[in-house]
Amino acid sequence: SILLINDAAIERCIEEGRGMKYMSEHFGISNQALEIRLKFYLMFN
């Protein structure tokens, strides 16, 4: 999940105000995997 969308990529999306659909499509990660990835990002970071 980190290889698909790394921390810096998530932070860039947050700064740019990107939504779930953009993140899923741009980084080629399913919604389910993205939800889990974002959850762990918020917990660990």
All heavy atoms as atom14 arrays in JSON, in Angstrom:
{
  "sequence": "SILLINDAAIERCIEEGRGMKYMSEHFGISNQALEIRLKFYLMFN",
  "atom14_mask": [
    [1, 1, 1, 1, 1, 1, 0, 0, 0, 0, 0, 0, 0, 0],
    [1, 1, 1, 1, 1, 1, 1, 1, 0, 0, 0, 0, 0, 0],
    [1, 1, 1, 1, 1, 1, 1, 1, 0, 0, 0, 0, 0, 0],
    [1, 1, 1, 1, 1, 1, 1, 1, 0, 0, 0, 0, 0, 0],
    [1, 1, 1, 1, 1, 1, 1, 1, 0, 0, 0, 0, 0, 0],
    [1, 1, 1, 1, 1, 1, 1, 1, 0, 0, 0, 0, 0, 0],
    [1, 1, 1, 1, 1, 1, 1, 1, 0, 0, 0, 0, 0, 0],
    [1, 1, 1, 1, 1, 0, 0, 0, 0, 0, 0, 0, 0, 0],
    [1, 1, 1, 1, 1, 0, 0, 0, 0, 0, 0, 0, 0, 0],
    [1, 1, 1, 1, 1, 1, 1, 1, 0, 0, 0, 0, 0, 0],
    [1, 1, 1, 1, 1, 1, 1, 1, 1, 0, 0, 0, 0, 0],
    [1, 1, 1, 1, 1, 1, 1, 1, 1, 1, 1, 0, 0, 0],
    [1, 1, 1, 1, 1, 1, 0, 0, 0, 0, 0, 0, 0, 0],
    [1, 1, 1, 1, 1, 1, 1, 1, 0, 0, 0, 0, 0, 0],
    [1, 1, 1, 1, 1, 1, 1, 1, 1, 0, 0, 0, 0, 0],
    [1, 1, 1, 1, 1, 1, 1, 1, 1, 0, 0, 0, 0, 0],
    [1, 1, 1, 1, 0, 0, 0, 0, 0, 0, 0, 0, 0, 0],
    [1, 1, 1, 1, 1, 1, 1, 1, 1, 1, 1, 0, 0, 0],
    [1, 1, 1, 1, 0, 0, 0, 0, 0, 0, 0, 0, 0, 0],
    [1, 1, 1, 1, 1, 1, 1, 1, 0, 0, 0, 0, 0, 0],
    [1, 1, 1, 1, 1, 1, 1, 1, 1, 0, 0, 0, 0, 0],
    [1, 1, 1, 1, 1, 1, 1, 1, 1, 1, 1, 1, 0, 0],
    [1, 1, 1, 1, 1, 1, 1, 1, 0, 0, 0, 0, 0, 0],
    [1, 1, 1, 1, 1, 1, 0, 0, 0, 0, 0, 0, 0, 0],
    [1, 1, 1, 1, 1, 1, 1, 1, 1, 0, 0, 0, 0, 0],
    [1, 1, 1, 1, 1, 1, 1, 1, 1, 1, 0, 0, 0, 0],
    [1, 1, 1, 1, 1, 1, 1, 1, 1, 1, 1, 0, 0, 0],
    [1, 1, 1, 1, 0, 0, 0, 0, 0, 0, 0, 0, 0, 0],
    [1, 1, 1, 1, 1, 1, 1, 1, 0, 0, 0, 0, 0, 0],
    [1, 1, 1, 1, 1, 1, 0, 0, 0, 0, 0, 0, 0, 0],
    [1, 1, 1, 1, 1, 1, 1, 1, 0, 0, 0, 0, 0, 0],
    [1, 1, 1, 1, 1, 1, 1, 1, 1, 0, 0, 0, 0, 0],
    [1, 1, 1, 1, 1, 0, 0, 0, 0, 0, 0, 0, 0, 0],
    [1, 1, 1, 1, 1, 1, 1, 1, 0, 0, 0, 0, 0, 0],
    [1, 1, 1, 1, 1, 1, 1, 1, 1, 0, 0, 0, 0, 0],
    [1, 1, 1, 1, 1, 1, 1, 1, 0, 0, 0, 0, 0, 0],
    [1, 1, 1, 1, 1, 1, 1, 1, 1, 1, 1, 0, 0, 0],
    [1, 1, 1, 1, 1, 1, 1, 1, 0, 0, 0, 0, 0, 0],
    [1, 1, 1, 1, 1, 1, 1, 1, 1, 0, 0, 0, 0, 0],
    [1, 1, 1, 1, 1, 1, 1, 1, 1, 1, 1, 0, 0, 0],
    [1, 1, 1, 1, 1, 1, 1, 1, 1, 1, 1, 1, 0, 0],
    [1, 1, 1, 1, 1, 1, 1, 1, 0, 0, 0, 0, 0, 0],
    [1, 1, 1, 1, 1, 1, 1, 1, 0, 0, 0, 0, 0, 0],
    [1, 1, 1, 1, 1, 1, 1, 1, 1, 1, 1, 0, 0, 0],
    [1, 1, 1, 1, 1, 1, 1, 1, 0, 0, 0, 0, 0, 0]
  ],
  "atom14_positions": [
    [[0.82, -1.21, 0.0], [0.0, 0.0, 0.0], [0.86, 1.26, 0.0], [0.5, 2.28, -0.6], [-0.95, 0.0, 1.2], [-0.24, 0.12, 2.43], [0.0, 0.0, 0.0], [0.0, 0.0, 0.0], [0.0, 0.0, 0.0], [0.0, 0.0, 0.0], [0.0, 0.0, 0.0], [0.0, 0.0, 0.0], [0.0, 0.0, 0.0], [0.0, 0.0, 0.0]],
    [[2.03, 1.19, 0.64], [2.94, 2.34, 0.65], [3.6, 2.51, -0.72], [3.81, 3.64, -1.18], [4.01, 2.18, 1.75], [3.35, 2.09, 3.13], [4.99, 3.36, 1.72], [4.33, 1.83, 4.26], [0.0, 0.0, 0.0], [0.0, 0.0, 0.0], [0.0, 0.0, 0.0], [0.0, 0.0, 0.0], [0.0, 0.0, 0.0], [0.0, 0.0, 0.0]],
    [[3.92, 1.41, -1.38], [4.5, 1.5, -2.72], [3.51, 2.13, -3.7], [3.89, 2.84, -4.62], [4.9, 0.11, -3.23], [6.08, -0.57, -2.53], [6.35, -1.92, -3.18], [7.33, 0.3, -2.57], [0.0, 0.0, 0.0], [0.0, 0.0, 0.0], [0.0, 0.0, 0.0], [0.0, 0.0, 0.0], [0.0, 0.0, 0.0], [0.0, 0.0, 0.0]],
    [[2.23, 1.86, -3.49], [1.21, 2.4, -4.38], [0.99, 3.9, -4.15], [0.82, 4.66, -5.1], [-0.11, 1.64, -4.21], [-0.09, 0.19, -4.7], [-1.39, -0.5, -4.36], [0.15, 0.13, -6.2], [0.0, 0.0, 0.0], [0.0, 0.0, 0.0], [0.0, 0.0, 0.0], [0.0, 0.0, 0.0], [0.0, 0.0, 0.0], [0.0, 0.0, 0.0]],
    [[0.95, 4.32, -2.9], [0.82, 5.74, -2.59], [1.58, 6.02, -1.29], [1.14, 5.67, -0.19], [-0.66, 6.18, -2.5], [-0.77, 7.67, -2.17], [-1.47, 5.32, -1.53], [-2.17, 8.25, -2.38], [0.0, 0.0, 0.0], [0.0, 0.0, 0.0], [0.0, 0.0, 0.0], [0.0, 0.0, 0.0], [0.0, 0.0, 0.0], [0.0, 0.0, 0.0]],
    [[2.74, 6.63, -1.44], [3.62, 6.83, -0.29], [3.18, 8.03, 0.55], [2.29, 8.8, 0.16], [5.07, 6.98, -0.76], [5.27, 8.17, -1.68], [5.17, 9.32, -1.26], [5.55, 7.91, -2.97], [0.0, 0.0, 0.0], [0.0, 0.0, 0.0], [0.0, 0.0, 0.0], [0.0, 0.0, 0.0], [0.0, 0.0, 0.0], [0.0, 0.0, 0.0]],
    [[3.84, 8.21, 1.68], [3.48, 9.29, 2.61], [3.54, 10.66, 1.95], [2.65, 11.5, 2.12], [4.41, 9.27, 3.83], [4.12, 8.13, 4.77], [3.12, 7.41, 4.56], [4.91, 7.93, 5.73], [0.0, 0.0, 0.0], [0.0, 0.0, 0.0], [0.0, 0.0, 0.0], [0.0, 0.0, 0.0], [0.0, 0.0, 0.0], [0.0, 0.0, 0.0]],
    [[4.64, 10.91, 1.22], [4.81, 12.21, 0.59], [3.72, 12.47, -0.44], [3.26, 13.6, -0.6], [6.19, 12.3, -0.06], [0.0, 0.0, 0.0], [0.0, 0.0, 0.0], [0.0, 0.0, 0.0], [0.0, 0.0, 0.0], [0.0, 0.0, 0.0], [0.0, 0.0, 0.0], [0.0, 0.0, 0.0], [0.0, 0.0, 0.0], [0.0, 0.0, 0.0]],
    [[3.31, 11.41, -1.13], [2.24, 11.55, -2.12], [0.91, 11.88, -1.44], [0.13, 12.71, -1.92], [2.11, 10.26, -2.94], [0.0, 0.0, 0.0], [0.0, 0.0, 0.0], [0.0, 0.0, 0.0], [0.0, 0.0, 0.0], [0.0, 0.0, 0.0], [0.0, 0.0, 0.0], [0.0, 0.0, 0.0], [0.0, 0.0, 0.0], [0.0, 0.0, 0.0]],
    [[0.65, 11.22, -0.32], [-0.57, 11.52, 0.43], [-0.55, 12.97, 0.9], [-1.54, 13.7, 0.79], [-0.72, 10.56, 1.64], [-0.99, 9.14, 1.16], [-1.85, 11.03, 2.56], [-1.04, 8.11, 2.27], [0.0, 0.0, 0.0], [0.0, 0.0, 0.0], [0.0, 0.0, 0.0], [0.0, 0.0, 0.0], [0.0, 0.0, 0.0], [0.0, 0.0, 0.0]],
    [[0.59, 13.39, 1.43], [0.69, 14.76, 1.94], [0.51, 15.78, 0.83], [-0.13, 16.83, 1.04], [2.05, 14.93, 2.63], [2.1, 14.2, 3.97], [3.51, 13.87, 4.43], [4.47, 14.32, 3.77], [3.64, 13.14, 5.43], [0.0, 0.0, 0.0], [0.0, 0.0, 0.0], [0.0, 0.0, 0.0], [0.0, 0.0, 0.0], [0.0, 0.0, 0.0]],
    [[1.02, 15.48, -0.34], [0.84, 16.37, -1.48], [-0.65, 16.45, -1.86], [-1.17, 17.54, -2.15], [1.66, 15.88, -2.66], [1.56, 16.77, -3.88], [2.57, 16.37, -4.94], [2.53, 17.25, -6.08], [3.44, 17.28, -7.04], [4.47, 16.47, -6.97], [3.33, 18.1, -8.05], [0.0, 0.0, 0.0], [0.0, 0.0, 0.0], [0.0, 0.0, 0.0]],
    [[-1.31, 15.31, -1.84], [-2.75, 15.29, -2.17], [-3.55, 16.09, -1.15], [-4.51, 16.79, -1.49], [-3.26, 13.85, -2.23], [-2.73, 12.94, -3.7], [0.0, 0.0, 0.0], [0.0, 0.0, 0.0], [0.0, 0.0, 0.0], [0.0, 0.0, 0.0], [0.0, 0.0, 0.0], [0.0, 0.0, 0.0], [0.0, 0.0, 0.0], [0.0, 0.0, 0.0]],
    [[-3.16, 15.98, 0.12], [-3.83, 16.74, 1.18], [-3.65, 18.23, 0.94], [-4.62, 19.01, 1.03], [-3.3, 16.33, 2.56], [-3.71, 14.89, 2.9], [-3.83, 17.29, 3.64], [-3.09, 14.35, 4.18], [0.0, 0.0, 0.0], [0.0, 0.0, 0.0], [0.0, 0.0, 0.0], [0.0, 0.0, 0.0], [0.0, 0.0, 0.0], [0.0, 0.0, 0.0]],
    [[-2.44, 18.65, 0.64], [-2.16, 20.06, 0.39], [-2.93, 20.59, -0.82], [-3.38, 21.74, -0.83], [-0.66, 20.26, 0.16], [0.19, 20.05, 1.41], [1.68, 20.12, 1.1], [2.03, 20.4, -0.06], [2.48, 19.9, 2.03], [0.0, 0.0, 0.0], [0.0, 0.0, 0.0], [0.0, 0.0, 0.0], [0.0, 0.0, 0.0], [0.0, 0.0, 0.0]],
    [[-3.11, 19.75, -1.83], [-3.8, 20.16, -3.04], [-5.32, 19.97, -2.95], [-6.04, 20.3, -3.89], [-3.27, 19.37, -4.24], [-1.79, 19.67, -4.55], [-1.25, 18.81, -5.68], [-1.95, 17.85, -6.1], [-0.13, 19.09, -6.14], [0.0, 0.0, 0.0], [0.0, 0.0, 0.0], [0.0, 0.0, 0.0], [0.0, 0.0, 0.0], [0.0, 0.0, 0.0]],
    [[-5.78, 19.44, -1.83], [-7.21, 19.26, -1.63], [-7.81, 18.16, -2.49], [-8.99, 18.2, -2.84], [0.0, 0.0, 0.0], [0.0, 0.0, 0.0], [0.0, 0.0, 0.0], [0.0, 0.0, 0.0], [0.0, 0.0, 0.0], [0.0, 0.0, 0.0], [0.0, 0.0, 0.0], [0.0, 0.0, 0.0], [0.0, 0.0, 0.0], [0.0, 0.0, 0.0]],
    [[-7.02, 17.15, -2.82], [-7.5, 16.06, -3.66], [-8.44, 15.14, -2.89], [-8.29, 14.93, -1.69], [-6.33, 15.24, -4.17], [-5.3, 16.04, -4.97], [-5.87, 16.54, -6.28], [-4.82, 17.12, -7.12], [-5.04, 17.62, -8.33], [-6.26, 17.62, -8.84], [-4.04, 18.13, -9.03], [0.0, 0.0, 0.0], [0.0, 0.0, 0.0], [0.0, 0.0, 0.0]],
    [[-9.39, 14.58, -3.6], [-10.35, 13.68, -3.0], [-10.01, 12.23, -3.25], [-9.01, 11.88, -3.89], [0.0, 0.0, 0.0], [0.0, 0.0, 0.0], [0.0, 0.0, 0.0], [0.0, 0.0, 0.0], [0.0, 0.0, 0.0], [0.0, 0.0, 0.0], [0.0, 0.0, 0.0], [0.0, 0.0, 0.0], [0.0, 0.0, 0.0], [0.0, 0.0, 0.0]],
    [[-10.87, 11.36, -2.76], [-10.66, 9.91, -2.84], [-10.58, 9.44, -4.3], [-9.72, 8.63, -4.65], [-11.83, 9.22, -2.14], [-11.63, 7.76, -1.88], [-10.83, 7.52, -0.29], [-10.92, 5.74, -0.17], [0.0, 0.0, 0.0], [0.0, 0.0, 0.0], [0.0, 0.0, 0.0], [0.0, 0.0, 0.0], [0.0, 0.0, 0.0], [0.0, 0.0, 0.0]],
    [[-11.45, 9.95, -5.15], [-11.5, 9.48, -6.53], [-10.19, 9.8, -7.25], [-9.63, 8.93, -7.95], [-12.67, 10.13, -7.28], [-12.8, 9.65, -8.71], [-14.02, 10.27, -9.4], [-14.12, 9.79, -10.84], [-15.31, 10.38, -11.53], [0.0, 0.0, 0.0], [0.0, 0.0, 0.0], [0.0, 0.0, 0.0], [0.0, 0.0, 0.0], [0.0, 0.0, 0.0]],
    [[-9.69, 11.02, -7.08], [-8.43, 11.39, -7.73], [-7.3, 10.49, -7.24], [-6.5, 9.99, -8.05], [-8.09, 12.85, -7.43], [-6.7, 13.22, -7.89], [-6.48, 13.68, -9.19], [-5.6, 13.1, -7.03], [-5.2, 14.0, -9.63], [-4.32, 13.42, -7.46], [-4.13, 13.87, -8.75], [-2.86, 14.17, -9.17], [0.0, 0.0, 0.0], [0.0, 0.0, 0.0]],
    [[-7.2, 10.3, -5.94], [-6.11, 9.51, -5.38], [-6.16, 8.08, -5.89], [-5.12, 7.49, -6.25], [-6.17, 9.56, -3.84], [-5.96, 10.96, -3.29], [-6.33, 11.1, -1.52], [-4.88, 10.35, -0.8], [0.0, 0.0, 0.0], [0.0, 0.0, 0.0], [0.0, 0.0, 0.0], [0.0, 0.0, 0.0], [0.0, 0.0, 0.0], [0.0, 0.0, 0.0]],
    [[-7.34, 7.51, -5.94], [-7.5, 6.14, -6.41], [-7.1, 6.01, -7.88], [-6.36, 5.09, -8.26], [-8.94, 5.68, -6.21], [-9.15, 4.41, -6.79], [0.0, 0.0, 0.0], [0.0, 0.0, 0.0], [0.0, 0.0, 0.0], [0.0, 0.0, 0.0], [0.0, 0.0, 0.0], [0.0, 0.0, 0.0], [0.0, 0.0, 0.0], [0.0, 0.0, 0.0]],
    [[-7.58, 6.91, -8.7], [-7.31, 6.83, -10.14], [-5.87, 7.18, -10.48], [-5.22, 6.5, -11.28], [-8.27, 7.75, -10.91], [-9.73, 7.35, -10.82], [-9.98, 5.96, -11.36], [-9.36, 5.6, -12.38], [-10.78, 5.22, -10.76], [0.0, 0.0, 0.0], [0.0, 0.0, 0.0], [0.0, 0.0, 0.0], [0.0, 0.0, 0.0], [0.0, 0.0, 0.0]],
    [[-5.35, 8.25, -9.88], [-4.01, 8.7, -10.22], [-2.95, 7.7, -9.78], [-1.95, 7.48, -10.51], [-3.73, 10.06, -9.58], [-2.38, 10.61, -9.92], [-2.1, 11.18, -11.15], [-1.22, 10.68, -9.2], [-0.84, 11.57, -11.18], [-0.28, 11.28, -10.01], [0.0, 0.0, 0.0], [0.0, 0.0, 0.0], [0.0, 0.0, 0.0], [0.0, 0.0, 0.0]],
    [[-3.13, 7.1, -8.63], [-2.12, 6.2, -8.1], [-2.43, 4.73, -8.36], [-1.65, 3.85, -7.97], [-1.91, 6.46, -6.6], [-1.28, 7.79, -6.33], [-2.07, 8.89, -5.99], [0.09, 7.97, -6.45], [-1.49, 10.13, -5.76], [0.67, 9.21, -6.22], [-0.12, 10.29, -5.88], [0.0, 0.0, 0.0], [0.0, 0.0, 0.0], [0.0, 0.0, 0.0]],
    [[-3.55, 4.45, -9.0], [-3.87, 3.08, -9.38], [-4.07, 2.16, -8.19], [-3.59, 1.02, -8.18], [0.0, 0.0, 0.0], [0.0, 0.0, 0.0], [0.0, 0.0, 0.0], [0.0, 0.0, 0.0], [0.0, 0.0, 0.0], [0.0, 0.0, 0.0], [0.0, 0.0, 0.0], [0.0, 0.0, 0.0], [0.0, 0.0, 0.0], [0.0, 0.0, 0.0]],
    [[-4.78, 2.64, -7.19], [-5.04, 1.86, -5.98], [-6.55, 1.78, -5.77], [-7.26, 2.77, -5.95], [-4.32, 2.48, -4.76], [-4.56, 1.66, -3.5], [-4.71, 3.94, -4.56], [-3.71, 2.12, -2.3], [0.0, 0.0, 0.0], [0.0, 0.0, 0.0], [0.0, 0.0, 0.0], [0.0, 0.0, 0.0], [0.0, 0.0, 0.0], [0.0, 0.0, 0.0]],
    [[-7.03, 0.62, -5.4], [-8.47, 0.45, -5.21], [-8.96, 1.28, -4.04], [-8.18, 1.63, -3.14], [-8.8, -1.03, -4.96], [-8.33, -1.43, -3.69], [0.0, 0.0, 0.0], [0.0, 0.0, 0.0], [0.0, 0.0, 0.0], [0.0, 0.0, 0.0], [0.0, 0.0, 0.0], [0.0, 0.0, 0.0], [0.0, 0.0, 0.0], [0.0, 0.0, 0.0]],
    [[-10.25, 1.58, -4.03], [-10.82, 2.35, -2.92], [-10.62, 1.64, -1.59], [-10.31, 2.27, -0.58], [-12.32, 2.58, -3.16], [-12.57, 3.62, -4.24], [-11.73, 4.47, -4.51], [-13.73, 3.55, -4.87], [0.0, 0.0, 0.0], [0.0, 0.0, 0.0], [0.0, 0.0, 0.0], [0.0, 0.0, 0.0], [0.0, 0.0, 0.0], [0.0, 0.0, 0.0]],
    [[-10.81, 0.32, -1.59], [-10.66, -0.44, -0.35], [-9.23, -0.35, 0.18], [-9.01, -0.09, 1.37], [-11.03, -1.9, -0.58], [-10.92, -2.76, 0.68], [-11.27, -4.22, 0.42], [-11.4, -4.65, -0.72], [-11.41, -4.99, 1.48], [0.0, 0.0, 0.0], [0.0, 0.0, 0.0], [0.0, 0.0, 0.0], [0.0, 0.0, 0.0], [0.0, 0.0, 0.0]],
    [[-8.26, -0.56, -0.7], [-6.86, -0.5, -0.27], [-6.48, 0.93, 0.14], [-5.71, 1.13, 1.08], [-5.94, -0.98, -1.4], [0.0, 0.0, 0.0], [0.0, 0.0, 0.0], [0.0, 0.0, 0.0], [0.0, 0.0, 0.0], [0.0, 0.0, 0.0], [0.0, 0.0, 0.0], [0.0, 0.0, 0.0], [0.0, 0.0, 0.0], [0.0, 0.0, 0.0]],
    [[-7.04, 1.92, -0.55], [-6.76, 3.31, -0.23], [-7.32, 3.68, 1.14], [-6.66, 4.39, 1.92], [-7.33, 4.23, -1.3], [-7.11, 5.74, -1.1], [-5.63, 6.07, -0.97], [-7.72, 6.52, -2.27], [0.0, 0.0, 0.0], [0.0, 0.0, 0.0], [0.0, 0.0, 0.0], [0.0, 0.0, 0.0], [0.0, 0.0, 0.0], [0.0, 0.0, 0.0]],
    [[-8.51, 3.23, 1.44], [-9.1, 3.5, 2.76], [-8.2, 2.97, 3.87], [-7.94, 3.66, 4.86], [-10.49, 2.85, 2.85], [-11.56, 3.55, 2.04], [-12.89, 2.83, 2.13], [-13.18, 2.24, 3.19], [-13.64, 2.85, 1.13], [0.0, 0.0, 0.0], [0.0, 0.0, 0.0], [0.0, 0.0, 0.0], [0.0, 0.0, 0.0], [0.0, 0.0, 0.0]],
    [[-7.73, 1.75, 3.7], [-6.84, 1.15, 4.71], [-5.53, 1.92, 4.8], [-5.02, 2.2, 5.88], [-6.58, -0.33, 4.38], [-7.89, -1.13, 4.46], [-5.55, -0.92, 5.33], [-7.78, -2.54, 3.95], [0.0, 0.0, 0.0], [0.0, 0.0, 0.0], [0.0, 0.0, 0.0], [0.0, 0.0, 0.0], [0.0, 0.0, 0.0], [0.0, 0.0, 0.0]],
    [[-5.01, 2.3, 3.64], [-3.75, 3.04, 3.6], [-3.88, 4.38, 4.32], [-3.0, 4.77, 5.11], [-3.35, 3.26, 2.13], [-2.15, 4.17, 1.95], [-0.87, 3.49, 2.39], [0.28, 4.37, 2.21], [0.9, 5.04, 3.17], [0.51, 4.92, 4.44], [1.93, 5.81, 2.91], [0.0, 0.0, 0.0], [0.0, 0.0, 0.0], [0.0, 0.0, 0.0]],
    [[-4.96, 5.11, 4.06], [-5.15, 6.41, 4.7], [-5.36, 6.26, 6.21], [-4.87, 7.08, 6.99], [-6.35, 7.12, 4.08], [-6.17, 7.58, 2.63], [-7.48, 8.15, 2.09], [-5.05, 8.61, 2.51], [0.0, 0.0, 0.0], [0.0, 0.0, 0.0], [0.0, 0.0, 0.0], [0.0, 0.0, 0.0], [0.0, 0.0, 0.0], [0.0, 0.0, 0.0]],
    [[-6.05, 5.22, 6.59], [-6.27, 4.97, 8.02], [-4.92, 4.77, 8.72], [-4.65, 5.37, 9.76], [-7.15, 3.73, 8.17], [-7.35, 3.26, 9.6], [-8.23, 2.02, 9.62], [-8.21, 1.35, 10.97], [-9.01, 0.11, 10.99], [0.0, 0.0, 0.0], [0.0, 0.0, 0.0], [0.0, 0.0, 0.0], [0.0, 0.0, 0.0], [0.0, 0.0, 0.0]],
    [[-4.06, 3.93, 8.14], [-2.75, 3.71, 8.74], [-1.89, 4.96, 8.7], [-1.12, 5.23, 9.63], [-2.03, 2.55, 8.04], [-2.53, 1.19, 8.42], [-2.66, 0.19, 7.48], [-2.85, 0.9, 9.73], [-3.11, -1.07, 7.84], [-3.31, -0.35, 10.11], [-3.43, -1.34, 9.15], [0.0, 0.0, 0.0], [0.0, 0.0, 0.0], [0.0, 0.0, 0.0]],
    [[-2.01, 5.73, 7.64], [-1.25, 6.99, 7.54], [-1.61, 7.91, 8.71], [-0.73, 8.48, 9.35], [-1.55, 7.68, 6.21], [-1.03, 9.1, 6.15], [0.31, 9.35, 5.87], [-1.87, 10.19, 6.4], [0.81, 10.65, 5.84], [-1.39, 11.49, 6.37], [-0.05, 11.72, 6.09], [0.42, 13.01, 6.07], [0.0, 0.0, 0.0], [0.0, 0.0, 0.0]],
    [[-2.89, 8.06, 8.99], [-3.33, 8.93, 10.08], [-2.88, 8.4, 11.43], [-2.49, 9.16, 12.32], [-4.86, 9.06, 10.06], [-5.44, 9.81, 8.86], [-6.96, 9.73, 8.88], [-4.98, 11.27, 8.84], [0.0, 0.0, 0.0], [0.0, 0.0, 0.0], [0.0, 0.0, 0.0], [0.0, 0.0, 0.0], [0.0, 0.0, 0.0], [0.0, 0.0, 0.0]],
    [[-2.89, 7.08, 11.58], [-2.49, 6.48, 12.86], [-0.99, 6.62, 13.1], [-0.57, 7.06, 14.18], [-2.9, 5.01, 12.88], [-4.41, 4.78, 12.94], [-4.88, 3.06, 12.58], [-4.04, 2.18, 13.9], [0.0, 0.0, 0.0], [0.0, 0.0, 0.0], [0.0, 0.0, 0.0], [0.0, 0.0, 0.0], [0.0, 0.0, 0.0], [0.0, 0.0, 0.0]],
    [[-0.19, 6.27, 12.11], [1.25, 6.24, 12.3], [1.9, 7.61, 12.17], [2.89, 7.9, 12.84], [1.9, 5.27, 11.3], [1.61, 3.83, 11.59], [0.92, 3.05, 10.69], [2.04, 3.25, 12.77], [0.65, 1.71, 10.95], [1.78, 1.92, 13.06], [1.08, 1.15, 12.14], [0.0, 0.0, 0.0], [0.0, 0.0, 0.0], [0.0, 0.0, 0.0]],
    [[1.36, 8.45, 11.3], [2.0, 9.74, 11.04], [1.45, 10.88, 11.89], [2.13, 11.89, 12.09], [1.87, 10.12, 9.57], [2.66, 9.21, 8.66], [2.34, 8.03, 8.54], [3.69, 9.72, 8.02], [0.0, 0.0, 0.0], [0.0, 0.0, 0.0], [0.0, 0.0, 0.0], [0.0, 0.0, 0.0], [0.0, 0.0, 0.0], [0.0, 0.0, 0.0]]
  ]
}
